[in-house]
Amino acid sequence: MFSPFIISGLGAIAISAVNFVPQSLAQIPISSYKPISINSGAEVNDILTEKDIPTGQKGFARDYLIDVQKDERLEINVESQAFDTVLSLLDSKGDVITENDDVASDTTNSSIFFKVRQSGKYTIRVSSFGGSSGGKFTLKVTKLRAID
């Protein structure tokens, strides 16, 4: 609802507060959000479909939950022949820590190297770039050893 008010000499101004939520995200019941738990060392063969999380950018995402310890070093890779992958790592608050679209100029696969600064649960998000619909993919999480 608009509530006009007068600023001396300027006339009526209408002010409104609007919450913007993309329609596709607004339709997802929060109770249905259940990321898949995985461990470091996991290799997951999965399929990204239109039934996954809409990104609001004509694409979809699938989330995986991983519990990690401080100072662990992780290599996270996603490979697909079906779509251009995007890989994101989110902290426990849902903030993106790092992400990667194409690991190299000659591939559309994605890779992240990450040293854990705080123990806890992190979300690995696999999504499609540029609104591609998805398809089969392989997600690999490798715990790296520190070199002395």
C-alpha atoms as a PDB file:
ATOM      1  CA  MET A   1       0.000   0.000   0.000  1.00  0.00           C
ATOM      2  CA  PHE A   2       1.283   3.451  -0.876  1.00  0.00           C
ATOM      3  CA  SER A   3       1.274   6.234   1.736  1.00  0.00           C
ATOM      4  CA  PRO A   4       1.910   9.623   0.147  1.00  0.00           C
ATOM      5  CA  PHE A   5       3.344  12.410   2.261  1.00  0.00           C
ATOM      6  CA  ILE A   6       4.325  15.983   1.521  1.00  0.00           C
ATOM      7  CA  ILE A   7       7.864  17.366   1.561  1.00  0.00           C
ATOM      8  CA  SER A   8       7.660  21.129   1.612  1.00  0.00           C
ATOM      9  CA  GLY A   9       7.861  22.524  -1.890  1.00  0.00           C
ATOM     10  CA  LEU A  10       8.282  19.163  -3.609  1.00  0.00           C
ATOM     11  CA  GLY A  11       4.742  17.766  -3.711  1.00  0.00           C
ATOM     12  CA  ALA A  12       3.458  14.285  -2.862  1.00  0.00           C
ATOM     13  CA  ILE A  13       5.827  11.328  -2.803  1.00  0.00           C
ATOM     14  CA  ALA A  14       4.648   7.727  -2.555  1.00  0.00           C
ATOM     15  CA  ILE A  15       6.818   5.380  -0.495  1.00  0.00           C
ATOM     16  CA  SER A  16       6.425   1.633  -0.265  1.00  0.00           C
ATOM     17  CA  ALA A  17       8.490  -1.199   1.183  1.00  0.00           C
ATOM     18  CA  VAL A  18       8.575  -4.281  -0.977  1.00  0.00           C
ATOM     19  CA  ASN A  19      10.012  -7.694  -0.213  1.00  0.00           C
ATOM     20  CA  PHE A  20      11.388  -9.275  -3.382  1.00  0.00           C
ATOM     21  CA  VAL A  21      11.495 -13.052  -3.546  1.00  0.00           C
ATOM     22  CA  PRO A  22      11.698 -14.729  -6.948  1.00  0.00           C
ATOM     23  CA  GLN A  23       8.453 -16.588  -7.512  1.00  0.00           C
ATOM     24  CA  SER A  24      10.206 -19.915  -8.079  1.00  0.00           C
ATOM     25  CA  LEU A  25      11.928 -19.727  -4.665  1.00  0.00           C
ATOM     26  CA  ALA A  26       8.783 -18.539  -2.913  1.00  0.00           C
ATOM     27  CA  GLN A  27       7.002 -21.746  -3.940  1.00  0.00           C
ATOM     28  CA  ILE A  28       9.439 -24.102  -2.181  1.00  0.00           C
ATOM     29  CA  PRO A  29       8.230 -25.170   1.260  1.00  0.00           C
ATOM     30  CA  ILE A  30      11.160 -24.841   3.666  1.00  0.00           C
ATOM     31  CA  SER A  31      10.281 -28.182   5.284  1.00  0.00           C
ATOM     32  CA  SER A  32      11.012 -29.957   1.972  1.00  0.00           C
ATOM     33  CA  TYR A  33      14.622 -28.687   1.851  1.00  0.00           C
ATOM     34  CA  LYS A  34      16.784 -31.644   2.829  1.00  0.00           C
ATOM     35  CA  PRO A  35      20.396 -31.527   1.621  1.00  0.00           C
ATOM     36  CA  ILE A  36      22.017 -34.918   1.106  1.00  0.00           C
ATOM     37  CA  SER A  37      24.680 -35.737   3.744  1.00  0.00           C
ATOM     38  CA  ILE A  38      28.049 -36.901   2.404  1.00  0.00           C
ATOM     39  CA  ASN A  39      31.535 -37.491   3.846  1.00  0.00           C
ATOM     40  CA  SER A  40      34.932 -36.361   2.656  1.00  0.00           C
ATOM     41  CA  GLY A  41      36.216 -39.070   0.364  1.00  0.00           C
ATOM     42  CA  ALA A  42      32.763 -39.422  -1.192  1.00  0.00           C
ATOM     43  CA  GLU A  43      32.075 -39.844  -4.890  1.00  0.00           C
ATOM     44  CA  VAL A  44      28.444 -39.190  -5.773  1.00  0.00           C
ATOM     45  CA  ASN A  45      26.856 -39.943  -9.138  1.00  0.00           C
ATOM     46  CA  ASP A  46      23.634 -37.968  -9.338  1.00  0.00           C
ATOM     47  CA  ILE A  47      21.252 -36.140 -11.664  1.00  0.00           C
ATOM     48  CA  LEU A  48      20.351 -32.434 -11.589  1.00  0.00           C
ATOM     49  CA  THR A  49      16.704 -32.031 -12.648  1.00  0.00           C
ATOM     50  CA  GLU A  50      13.880 -29.501 -12.728  1.00  0.00           C
ATOM     51  CA  LYS A  51      12.693 -31.027  -9.417  1.00  0.00           C
ATOM     52  CA  ASP A  52      15.773 -29.637  -7.629  1.00  0.00           C
ATOM     53  CA  ILE A  53      16.161 -26.148  -6.127  1.00  0.00           C
ATOM     54  CA  PRO A  54      15.313 -23.375  -8.631  1.00  0.00           C
ATOM     55  CA  THR A  55      18.120 -20.807  -8.688  1.00  0.00           C
ATOM     56  CA  GLY A  56      15.949 -17.943  -9.942  1.00  0.00           C
ATOM     57  CA  GLN A  57      18.240 -17.699 -12.982  1.00  0.00           C
ATOM     58  CA  LYS A  58      16.500 -20.387 -15.076  1.00  0.00           C
ATOM     59  CA  GLY A  59      18.717 -23.112 -13.613  1.00  0.00           C
ATOM     60  CA  PHE A  60      18.570 -25.602 -10.776  1.00  0.00           C
ATOM     61  CA  ALA A  61      20.792 -26.611  -7.846  1.00  0.00           C
ATOM     62  CA  ARG A  62      21.309 -29.656  -5.651  1.00  0.00           C
ATOM     63  CA  ASP A  63      22.838 -29.359  -2.162  1.00  0.00           C
ATOM     64  CA  TYR A  64      25.042 -31.738  -0.185  1.00  0.00           C
ATOM     65  CA  LEU A  65      25.873 -31.336   3.507  1.00  0.00           C
ATOM     66  CA  ILE A  66      29.375 -32.166   4.755  1.00  0.00           C
ATOM     67  CA  ASP A  67      30.714 -32.053   8.317  1.00  0.00           C
ATOM     68  CA  VAL A  68      34.372 -30.959   8.385  1.00  0.00           C
ATOM     69  CA  GLN A  69      37.029 -30.120  10.943  1.00  0.00           C
ATOM     70  CA  LYS A  70      39.219 -27.035  11.264  1.00  0.00           C
ATOM     71  CA  ASP A  71      42.410 -27.147   9.163  1.00  0.00           C
ATOM     72  CA  GLU A  72      41.162 -29.946   6.884  1.00  0.00           C
ATOM     73  CA  ARG A  73      42.002 -29.336   3.247  1.00  0.00           C
ATOM     74  CA  LEU A  74      39.391 -30.329   0.688  1.00  0.00           C
ATOM     75  CA  GLU A  75      39.344 -30.691  -3.063  1.00  0.00           C
ATOM     76  CA  ILE A  76      35.787 -30.655  -4.420  1.00  0.00           C
ATOM     77  CA  ASN A  77      35.147 -31.474  -8.087  1.00  0.00           C
ATOM     78  CA  VAL A  78      32.022 -31.778 -10.189  1.00  0.00           C
ATOM     79  CA  GLU A  79      32.077 -33.171 -13.717  1.00  0.00           C
ATOM     80  CA  SER A  80      29.276 -33.438 -16.265  1.00  0.00           C
ATOM     81  CA  GLN A  81      29.000 -34.138 -19.967  1.00  0.00           C
ATOM     82  CA  ALA A  82      25.367 -32.943 -19.875  1.00  0.00           C
ATOM     83  CA  PHE A  83      25.620 -29.358 -18.574  1.00  0.00           C
ATOM     84  CA  ASP A  84      27.934 -26.488 -17.633  1.00  0.00           C
ATOM     85  CA  THR A  85      28.518 -26.968 -13.903  1.00  0.00           C
ATOM     86  CA  VAL A  86      28.862 -24.383 -11.139  1.00  0.00           C
ATOM     87  CA  LEU A  87      30.223 -25.462  -7.761  1.00  0.00           C
ATOM     88  CA  SER A  88      29.646 -23.409  -4.595  1.00  0.00           C
ATOM     89  CA  LEU A  89      30.658 -23.882  -0.964  1.00  0.00           C
ATOM     90  CA  LEU A  90      28.406 -22.311   1.673  1.00  0.00           C
ATOM     91  CA  ASP A  91      29.013 -21.880   5.393  1.00  0.00           C
ATOM     92  CA  SER A  92      26.540 -22.849   8.136  1.00  0.00           C
ATOM     93  CA  LYS A  93      24.693 -19.524   7.696  1.00  0.00           C
ATOM     94  CA  GLY A  94      24.178 -20.138   3.980  1.00  0.00           C
ATOM     95  CA  ASP A  95      26.720 -17.545   2.852  1.00  0.00           C
ATOM     96  CA  VAL A  96      28.818 -18.442  -0.200  1.00  0.00           C
ATOM     97  CA  ILE A  97      32.462 -18.842   0.852  1.00  0.00           C
ATOM     98  CA  THR A  98      33.808 -19.678  -2.584  1.00  0.00           C
ATOM     99  CA  GLU A  99      32.556 -20.869  -5.948  1.00  0.00           C
ATOM    100  CA  ASN A 100      33.856 -21.927  -9.334  1.00  0.00           C
ATOM    101  CA  ASP A 101      32.287 -22.080 -12.775  1.00  0.00           C
ATOM    102  CA  ASP A 102      34.943 -23.465 -15.113  1.00  0.00           C
ATOM    103  CA  VAL A 103      38.130 -24.867 -13.586  1.00  0.00           C
ATOM    104  CA  ALA A 104      39.990 -24.219 -16.879  1.00  0.00           C
ATOM    105  CA  SER A 105      39.294 -22.511 -20.199  1.00  0.00           C
ATOM    106  CA  ASP A 106      38.906 -25.814 -22.040  1.00  0.00           C
ATOM    107  CA  THR A 107      36.266 -27.370 -19.742  1.00  0.00           C
ATOM    108  CA  THR A 108      32.883 -26.594 -18.202  1.00  0.00           C
ATOM    109  CA  ASN A 109      33.593 -28.729 -15.121  1.00  0.00           C
ATOM    110  CA  SER A 110      34.155 -27.062 -11.742  1.00  0.00           C
ATOM    111  CA  SER A 111      36.646 -27.435  -8.899  1.00  0.00           C
ATOM    112  CA  ILE A 112      37.259 -25.877  -5.468  1.00  0.00           C
ATOM    113  CA  PHE A 113      40.284 -26.219  -3.173  1.00  0.00           C
ATOM    114  CA  PHE A 114      39.492 -25.149   0.390  1.00  0.00           C
ATOM    115  CA  LYS A 115      41.178 -25.087   3.806  1.00  0.00           C
ATOM    116  CA  VAL A 116      38.565 -25.261   6.573  1.00  0.00           C
ATOM    117  CA  ARG A 117      38.908 -22.337   8.978  1.00  0.00           C
ATOM    118  CA  GLN A 118      36.112 -23.357  11.348  1.00  0.00           C
ATOM    119  CA  SER A 119      34.767 -26.825  12.138  1.00  0.00           C
ATOM    120  CA  GLY A 120      31.134 -27.422  11.287  1.00  0.00           C
ATOM    121  CA  LYS A 121      28.624 -28.261   8.596  1.00  0.00           C
ATOM    122  CA  TYR A 122      29.135 -26.804   5.136  1.00  0.00           C
ATOM    123  CA  THR A 123      26.929 -27.026   2.059  1.00  0.00           C
ATOM    124  CA  ILE A 124      28.313 -28.058  -1.311  1.00  0.00           C
ATOM    125  CA  ARG A 125      26.006 -26.779  -4.058  1.00  0.00           C
ATOM    126  CA  VAL A 126      26.030 -28.170  -7.594  1.00  0.00           C
ATOM    127  CA  SER A 127      24.154 -26.007 -10.089  1.00  0.00           C
ATOM    128  CA  SER A 128      23.881 -25.371 -13.793  1.00  0.00           C
ATOM    129  CA  PHE A 129      25.273 -22.258 -15.460  1.00  0.00           C
ATOM    130  CA  GLY A 130      23.281 -20.075 -17.822  1.00  0.00           C
ATOM    131  CA  GLY A 131      19.941 -21.742 -17.322  1.00  0.00           C
ATOM    132  CA  SER A 132      20.952 -25.141 -18.652  1.00  0.00           C
ATOM    133  CA  SER A 133      18.488 -27.739 -17.438  1.00  0.00           C
ATOM    134  CA  GLY A 134      20.946 -30.162 -15.885  1.00  0.00           C
ATOM    135  CA  GLY A 135      21.599 -33.866 -16.288  1.00  0.00           C
ATOM    136  CA  LYS A 136      23.982 -36.503 -14.923  1.00  0.00           C
ATOM    137  CA  PHE A 137      27.036 -35.424 -12.927  1.00  0.00           C
ATOM    138  CA  THR A 138      29.734 -36.797 -10.626  1.00  0.00           C
ATOM    139  CA  LEU A 139      30.672 -34.972  -7.416  1.00  0.00           C
ATOM    140  CA  LYS A 140      33.955 -35.923  -5.725  1.00  0.00           C
ATOM    141  CA  VAL A 141      35.142 -34.692  -2.327  1.00  0.00           C
ATOM    142  CA  THR A 142      38.753 -35.491  -1.473  1.00  0.00           C
ATOM    143  CA  LYS A 143      40.452 -34.795   1.848  1.00  0.00           C
ATOM    144  CA  LEU A 144      43.989 -33.626   1.061  1.00  0.00           C
ATOM    145  CA  ARG A 145      47.051 -34.270   3.211  1.00  0.00           C
ATOM    146  CA  ALA A 146      49.191 -31.380   4.379  1.00  0.00           C
ATOM    147  CA  ILE A 147      52.759 -31.536   3.112  1.00  0.00           C
ATOM    148  CA  ASP A 148      55.359 -30.974   5.811  1.00  0.00           C
END
